[in-house]
Amino acid sequence: ARAIITNLPAFDQLSAEVRQRVVAMAQRYATTAQLTQLRKLFSNAILYVNEGLVDVVDAHTYNVHGRTRDHIVKKHINILTCDCDLFLGKGTFAGLAGECSHIQAITLMSTSR
């Protein structure tokens, strides 16, 4: 809840279309108890979008300037993959693989293009 409250100003800066996408994603995460993804959405993904921290490398590759380091997100058909620990389920997220804020940012951006 703290991540949501803290980042409400960043949420308000998003376009109406992207805000709707954030709300839909947040509802999906909340109803499926994906609390890490909900926190990552508000604490990282919306900031990546607002701060222009996503570079389009080519039609299938994105570079997200994350909080700890840069991450490569690749699009394979309509599936996004990332090289980060959360997506891969390793490091501090060992056994807890899931959608990361880097993929979330790409998903949010793709709705406004």
N, C-alpha and C. Protein backbone atom coordinates (compact mmCIF):
# COMPACT_ATOMS: atom_id res chain seq x y z
N ALA A 1 0.82 -1.20 0.00
CA ALA A 1 0.00 0.00 0.00
C ALA A 1 0.87 1.26 0.00
N ARG A 2 2.02 1.19 0.66
CA ARG A 2 2.90 2.36 0.72
C ARG A 2 3.38 2.77 -0.68
N ALA A 3 3.72 1.78 -1.52
CA ALA A 3 4.20 2.07 -2.88
C ALA A 3 3.11 2.78 -3.70
N ILE A 4 1.88 2.38 -3.50
CA ILE A 4 0.77 3.00 -4.23
C ILE A 4 0.61 4.45 -3.78
N ILE A 5 0.55 4.67 -2.49
CA ILE A 5 0.34 6.01 -1.96
C ILE A 5 1.51 6.93 -2.32
N THR A 6 2.73 6.43 -2.13
CA THR A 6 3.93 7.23 -2.42
C THR A 6 3.99 7.66 -3.87
N ASN A 7 3.53 6.80 -4.77
CA ASN A 7 3.68 7.08 -6.20
C ASN A 7 2.39 7.55 -6.88
N LEU A 8 1.42 8.00 -6.11
CA LEU A 8 0.20 8.56 -6.70
C LEU A 8 0.50 9.77 -7.59
N PRO A 9 1.43 10.66 -7.21
CA PRO A 9 1.74 11.77 -8.12
C PRO A 9 2.25 11.29 -9.48
N ALA A 10 3.07 10.24 -9.49
CA ALA A 10 3.56 9.69 -10.76
C ALA A 10 2.41 9.06 -11.54
N PHE A 11 1.51 8.39 -10.86
CA PHE A 11 0.33 7.81 -11.49
C PHE A 11 -0.49 8.90 -12.16
N ASP A 12 -0.69 10.02 -11.46
CA ASP A 12 -1.49 11.12 -11.99
C ASP A 12 -0.87 11.75 -13.24
N GLN A 13 0.43 11.62 -13.42
CA GLN A 13 1.11 12.20 -14.58
C GLN A 13 0.94 11.35 -15.84
N LEU A 14 0.50 10.12 -15.69
CA LEU A 14 0.30 9.25 -16.85
C LEU A 14 -0.91 9.70 -17.66
N SER A 15 -0.92 9.35 -18.93
CA SER A 15 -2.09 9.66 -19.75
C SER A 15 -3.28 8.85 -19.24
N ALA A 16 -4.48 9.27 -19.58
CA ALA A 16 -5.69 8.56 -19.14
C ALA A 16 -5.67 7.11 -19.60
N GLU A 17 -5.22 6.88 -20.82
CA GLU A 17 -5.16 5.52 -21.36
C GLU A 17 -4.20 4.63 -20.56
N VAL A 18 -3.05 5.16 -20.22
CA VAL A 18 -2.07 4.39 -19.45
C VAL A 18 -2.55 4.19 -18.02
N ARG A 19 -3.20 5.21 -17.44
CA ARG A 19 -3.76 5.04 -16.09
C ARG A 19 -4.77 3.90 -16.06
N GLN A 20 -5.61 3.80 -17.10
CA GLN A 20 -6.59 2.71 -17.17
C GLN A 20 -5.89 1.36 -17.23
N ARG A 21 -4.80 1.30 -17.97
CA ARG A 21 -4.02 0.06 -18.07
C ARG A 21 -3.42 -0.30 -16.70
N VAL A 22 -2.91 0.70 -15.97
CA VAL A 22 -2.35 0.47 -14.64
C VAL A 22 -3.43 -0.09 -13.72
N VAL A 23 -4.60 0.51 -13.74
CA VAL A 23 -5.70 0.06 -12.88
C VAL A 23 -6.08 -1.39 -13.22
N ALA A 24 -6.16 -1.71 -14.50
CA ALA A 24 -6.51 -3.08 -14.90
C ALA A 24 -5.45 -4.08 -14.43
N MET A 25 -4.18 -3.70 -14.59
CA MET A 25 -3.10 -4.57 -14.14
C MET A 25 -3.15 -4.72 -12.62
N ALA A 26 -3.36 -3.62 -11.91
CA ALA A 26 -3.41 -3.66 -10.44
C ALA A 26 -4.55 -4.55 -9.96
N GLN A 27 -5.70 -4.47 -10.61
CA GLN A 27 -6.83 -5.30 -10.23
C GLN A 27 -6.51 -6.78 -10.45
N ARG A 28 -5.86 -7.08 -11.57
CA ARG A 28 -5.49 -8.47 -11.86
C ARG A 28 -4.51 -8.99 -10.81
N TYR A 29 -3.52 -8.18 -10.47
CA TYR A 29 -2.53 -8.61 -9.46
C TYR A 29 -3.19 -8.78 -8.10
N ALA A 30 -4.07 -7.87 -7.72
CA ALA A 30 -4.71 -7.94 -6.41
C ALA A 30 -5.62 -9.17 -6.30
N THR A 31 -6.37 -9.45 -7.35
CA THR A 31 -7.31 -10.58 -7.28
C THR A 31 -6.60 -11.93 -7.37
N THR A 32 -5.36 -11.94 -7.86
CA THR A 32 -4.61 -13.19 -7.94
C THR A 32 -3.48 -13.24 -6.90
N ALA A 33 -3.53 -12.33 -5.94
CA ALA A 33 -2.56 -12.27 -4.83
C ALA A 33 -1.11 -12.17 -5.32
N GLN A 34 -0.89 -11.46 -6.41
CA GLN A 34 0.46 -11.22 -6.90
C GLN A 34 0.95 -9.88 -6.33
N LEU A 35 1.22 -9.90 -5.03
CA LEU A 35 1.55 -8.66 -4.33
C LEU A 35 2.89 -8.08 -4.75
N THR A 36 3.85 -8.93 -5.09
CA THR A 36 5.14 -8.42 -5.57
C THR A 36 4.94 -7.65 -6.87
N GLN A 37 4.13 -8.19 -7.77
CA GLN A 37 3.88 -7.52 -9.04
C GLN A 37 3.11 -6.21 -8.83
N LEU A 38 2.18 -6.21 -7.90
CA LEU A 38 1.43 -4.98 -7.58
C LEU A 38 2.38 -3.91 -7.07
N ARG A 39 3.26 -4.29 -6.17
CA ARG A 39 4.24 -3.33 -5.62
C ARG A 39 5.18 -2.84 -6.72
N LYS A 40 5.67 -3.74 -7.56
CA LYS A 40 6.60 -3.37 -8.62
C LYS A 40 5.94 -2.42 -9.64
N LEU A 41 4.65 -2.64 -9.89
CA LEU A 41 3.92 -1.78 -10.82
C LEU A 41 3.96 -0.33 -10.36
N PHE A 42 3.67 -0.12 -9.06
CA PHE A 42 3.61 1.25 -8.55
C PHE A 42 4.96 1.81 -8.14
N SER A 43 5.85 0.97 -7.64
CA SER A 43 7.14 1.50 -7.18
C SER A 43 8.15 1.66 -8.30
N ASN A 44 7.99 0.93 -9.40
CA ASN A 44 8.98 1.01 -10.48
C ASN A 44 8.39 1.29 -11.86
N ALA A 45 7.46 0.46 -12.32
CA ALA A 45 7.02 0.52 -13.72
C ALA A 45 6.48 1.89 -14.13
N ILE A 46 5.60 2.47 -13.31
CA ILE A 46 5.05 3.77 -13.73
C ILE A 46 6.13 4.85 -13.72
N LEU A 47 7.14 4.70 -12.86
CA LEU A 47 8.24 5.66 -12.85
C LEU A 47 9.11 5.49 -14.10
N TYR A 48 9.34 4.25 -14.52
CA TYR A 48 10.11 4.03 -15.75
C TYR A 48 9.44 4.71 -16.93
N VAL A 49 8.12 4.63 -16.99
CA VAL A 49 7.37 5.25 -18.09
C VAL A 49 7.45 6.78 -17.97
N ASN A 50 7.14 7.31 -16.80
CA ASN A 50 7.14 8.77 -16.60
C ASN A 50 8.50 9.40 -16.82
N GLU A 51 9.54 8.72 -16.39
CA GLU A 51 10.89 9.28 -16.45
C GLU A 51 11.61 8.97 -17.76
N GLY A 52 10.92 8.32 -18.70
CA GLY A 52 11.53 8.01 -19.99
C GLY A 52 12.71 7.06 -19.89
N LEU A 53 12.60 6.07 -19.02
CA LEU A 53 13.71 5.15 -18.78
C LEU A 53 13.66 3.89 -19.65
N VAL A 54 12.83 3.91 -20.68
CA VAL A 54 12.73 2.79 -21.60
C VAL A 54 13.19 3.24 -22.97
N ASP A 55 14.17 2.52 -23.52
CA ASP A 55 14.64 2.79 -24.88
C ASP A 55 14.20 1.65 -25.78
N VAL A 56 13.68 2.00 -26.94
CA VAL A 56 13.34 1.00 -27.94
C VAL A 56 14.60 0.76 -28.77
N VAL A 57 15.14 -0.45 -28.67
CA VAL A 57 16.35 -0.80 -29.42
C VAL A 57 15.97 -1.16 -30.85
N ASP A 58 14.98 -2.02 -31.00
CA ASP A 58 14.43 -2.37 -32.31
C ASP A 58 13.01 -2.88 -32.08
N ALA A 59 12.38 -3.43 -33.10
CA ALA A 59 10.98 -3.85 -33.01
C ALA A 59 10.75 -4.95 -31.98
N HIS A 60 11.82 -5.63 -31.56
CA HIS A 60 11.66 -6.75 -30.64
C HIS A 60 12.49 -6.63 -29.37
N THR A 61 13.18 -5.50 -29.18
CA THR A 61 14.08 -5.37 -28.05
C THR A 61 13.95 -4.00 -27.40
N TYR A 62 13.91 -4.01 -26.08
CA TYR A 62 13.83 -2.78 -25.29
C TYR A 62 14.92 -2.80 -24.24
N ASN A 63 15.44 -1.64 -23.90
CA ASN A 63 16.40 -1.49 -22.82
C ASN A 63 15.71 -0.65 -21.74
N VAL A 64 15.53 -1.23 -20.56
CA VAL A 64 14.89 -0.53 -19.45
C VAL A 64 15.98 -0.18 -18.44
N HIS A 65 16.11 1.10 -18.17
CA HIS A 65 17.09 1.57 -17.19
C HIS A 65 16.48 1.42 -15.80
N GLY A 66 16.67 0.23 -15.23
CA GLY A 66 16.07 -0.11 -13.95
C GLY A 66 16.71 0.59 -12.77
N ARG A 67 16.17 0.34 -11.60
CA ARG A 67 16.67 0.97 -10.38
C ARG A 67 18.07 0.48 -10.00
N THR A 68 18.36 -0.78 -10.29
CA THR A 68 19.67 -1.33 -9.92
C THR A 68 20.61 -1.45 -11.11
N ARG A 69 20.07 -1.75 -12.29
CA ARG A 69 20.89 -1.84 -13.50
C ARG A 69 19.97 -1.85 -14.72
N ASP A 70 20.56 -1.81 -15.90
CA ASP A 70 19.77 -1.88 -17.13
C ASP A 70 19.32 -3.32 -17.38
N HIS A 71 18.14 -3.45 -17.99
CA HIS A 71 17.60 -4.77 -18.30
C HIS A 71 17.14 -4.80 -19.75
N ILE A 72 17.31 -5.95 -20.36
CA ILE A 72 16.87 -6.16 -21.74
C ILE A 72 15.55 -6.92 -21.71
N VAL A 73 14.54 -6.35 -22.36
CA VAL A 73 13.25 -7.01 -22.52
C VAL A 73 13.13 -7.33 -24.00
N LYS A 74 12.79 -8.58 -24.30
CA LYS A 74 12.64 -9.03 -25.67
C LYS A 74 11.21 -9.46 -25.91
N LYS A 75 10.75 -9.20 -27.13
CA LYS A 75 9.40 -9.60 -27.53
C LYS A 75 9.51 -10.75 -28.52
N HIS A 76 8.92 -11.87 -28.17
CA HIS A 76 8.88 -13.06 -29.01
C HIS A 76 7.42 -13.30 -29.35
N ILE A 77 7.05 -13.02 -30.57
CA ILE A 77 5.65 -13.04 -31.00
C ILE A 77 4.92 -12.02 -30.12
N ASN A 78 4.06 -12.44 -29.21
CA ASN A 78 3.42 -11.48 -28.30
C ASN A 78 3.78 -11.75 -26.85
N ILE A 79 4.91 -12.39 -26.62
CA ILE A 79 5.36 -12.71 -25.26
C ILE A 79 6.61 -11.91 -24.95
N LEU A 80 6.60 -11.23 -23.80
CA LEU A 80 7.76 -10.46 -23.36
C LEU A 80 8.57 -11.27 -22.36
N THR A 81 9.90 -11.22 -22.50
CA THR A 81 10.79 -11.86 -21.55
C THR A 81 11.81 -10.83 -21.07
N CYS A 82 12.36 -11.06 -19.89
CA CYS A 82 13.32 -10.12 -19.32
C CYS A 82 14.50 -10.89 -18.73
N ASP A 83 15.63 -10.21 -18.63
CA ASP A 83 16.83 -10.84 -18.06
C ASP A 83 16.98 -10.60 -16.55
N CYS A 84 15.97 -10.06 -15.90
CA CYS A 84 16.09 -9.74 -14.47
C CYS A 84 15.79 -10.95 -13.58
N ASP A 85 16.21 -10.85 -12.33
CA ASP A 85 16.04 -11.94 -11.36
C ASP A 85 14.58 -12.29 -11.10
N LEU A 86 13.69 -11.30 -11.03
CA LEU A 86 12.29 -11.60 -10.75
C LEU A 86 11.69 -12.43 -11.88
N PHE A 87 11.89 -12.00 -13.12
CA PHE A 87 11.33 -12.75 -14.25
C PHE A 87 11.91 -14.16 -14.30
N LEU A 88 13.22 -14.28 -14.04
CA LEU A 88 13.89 -15.58 -14.13
C LEU A 88 13.74 -16.42 -12.87
N GLY A 89 13.24 -15.82 -11.79
CA GLY A 89 13.05 -16.55 -10.55
C GLY A 89 14.35 -16.97 -9.89
N LYS A 90 15.31 -16.04 -9.86
CA LYS A 90 16.59 -16.37 -9.23
C LYS A 90 17.00 -15.25 -8.28
N GLY A 91 18.14 -15.42 -7.62
CA GLY A 91 18.59 -14.43 -6.64
C GLY A 91 17.60 -14.31 -5.50
N THR A 92 17.26 -13.09 -5.12
CA THR A 92 16.31 -12.89 -4.02
C THR A 92 14.90 -13.36 -4.37
N PHE A 93 14.66 -13.62 -5.67
CA PHE A 93 13.35 -14.09 -6.11
C PHE A 93 13.38 -15.57 -6.50
N ALA A 94 14.34 -16.31 -5.98
CA ALA A 94 14.48 -17.74 -6.29
C ALA A 94 13.16 -18.46 -6.02
N GLY A 95 12.67 -19.14 -7.03
CA GLY A 95 11.42 -19.88 -6.90
C GLY A 95 10.17 -19.03 -6.98
N LEU A 96 10.32 -17.73 -7.19
CA LEU A 96 9.17 -16.82 -7.23
C LEU A 96 9.08 -16.08 -8.56
N ALA A 97 9.41 -16.74 -9.64
CA ALA A 97 9.40 -16.09 -10.95
C ALA A 97 8.05 -15.46 -11.24
N GLY A 98 8.09 -14.28 -11.84
CA GLY A 98 6.86 -13.59 -12.18
C GLY A 98 7.12 -12.38 -13.04
N GLU A 99 6.05 -11.74 -13.45
CA GLU A 99 6.15 -10.55 -14.29
C GLU A 99 6.87 -9.45 -13.52
N CYS A 100 7.85 -8.84 -14.17
CA CYS A 100 8.66 -7.80 -13.53
C CYS A 100 8.21 -6.40 -13.96
N SER A 101 8.74 -5.41 -13.27
CA SER A 101 8.39 -4.02 -13.59
C SER A 101 8.92 -3.60 -14.95
N HIS A 102 9.95 -4.25 -15.45
CA HIS A 102 10.49 -3.92 -16.77
C HIS A 102 9.49 -4.30 -17.85
N ILE A 103 8.92 -5.50 -17.73
CA ILE A 103 7.88 -5.95 -18.66
C ILE A 103 6.63 -5.10 -18.48
N GLN A 104 6.30 -4.79 -17.23
CA GLN A 104 5.12 -3.96 -16.97
C GLN A 104 5.26 -2.60 -17.70
N ALA A 105 6.44 -2.00 -17.64
CA ALA A 105 6.65 -0.70 -18.28
C ALA A 105 6.44 -0.80 -19.79
N ILE A 106 6.97 -1.85 -20.40
CA ILE A 106 6.79 -2.05 -21.84
C ILE A 106 5.32 -2.23 -22.16
N THR A 107 4.64 -3.00 -21.34
CA THR A 107 3.20 -3.23 -21.54
C THR A 107 2.43 -1.91 -21.43
N LEU A 108 2.76 -1.10 -20.45
CA LEU A 108 2.08 0.19 -20.29
C LEU A 108 2.35 1.09 -21.49
N MET A 109 3.58 1.13 -21.95
CA MET A 109 3.95 1.99 -23.07
C MET A 109 3.28 1.54 -24.36
N SER A 110 3.15 0.25 -24.56
CA SER A 110 2.61 -0.25 -25.83
C SER A 110 1.14 0.12 -26.00
N THR A 111 0.47 0.43 -24.91
CA THR A 111 -0.93 0.82 -25.02
C THR A 111 -1.08 2.24 -25.53
N SER A 112 0.00 3.03 -25.42
CA SER A 112 -0.11 4.44 -25.83
C SER A 112 0.53 4.69 -27.20
N ARG A 113 0.88 3.63 -27.90
CA ARG A 113 1.50 3.78 -29.22
C ARG A 113 0.54 3.42 -30.31
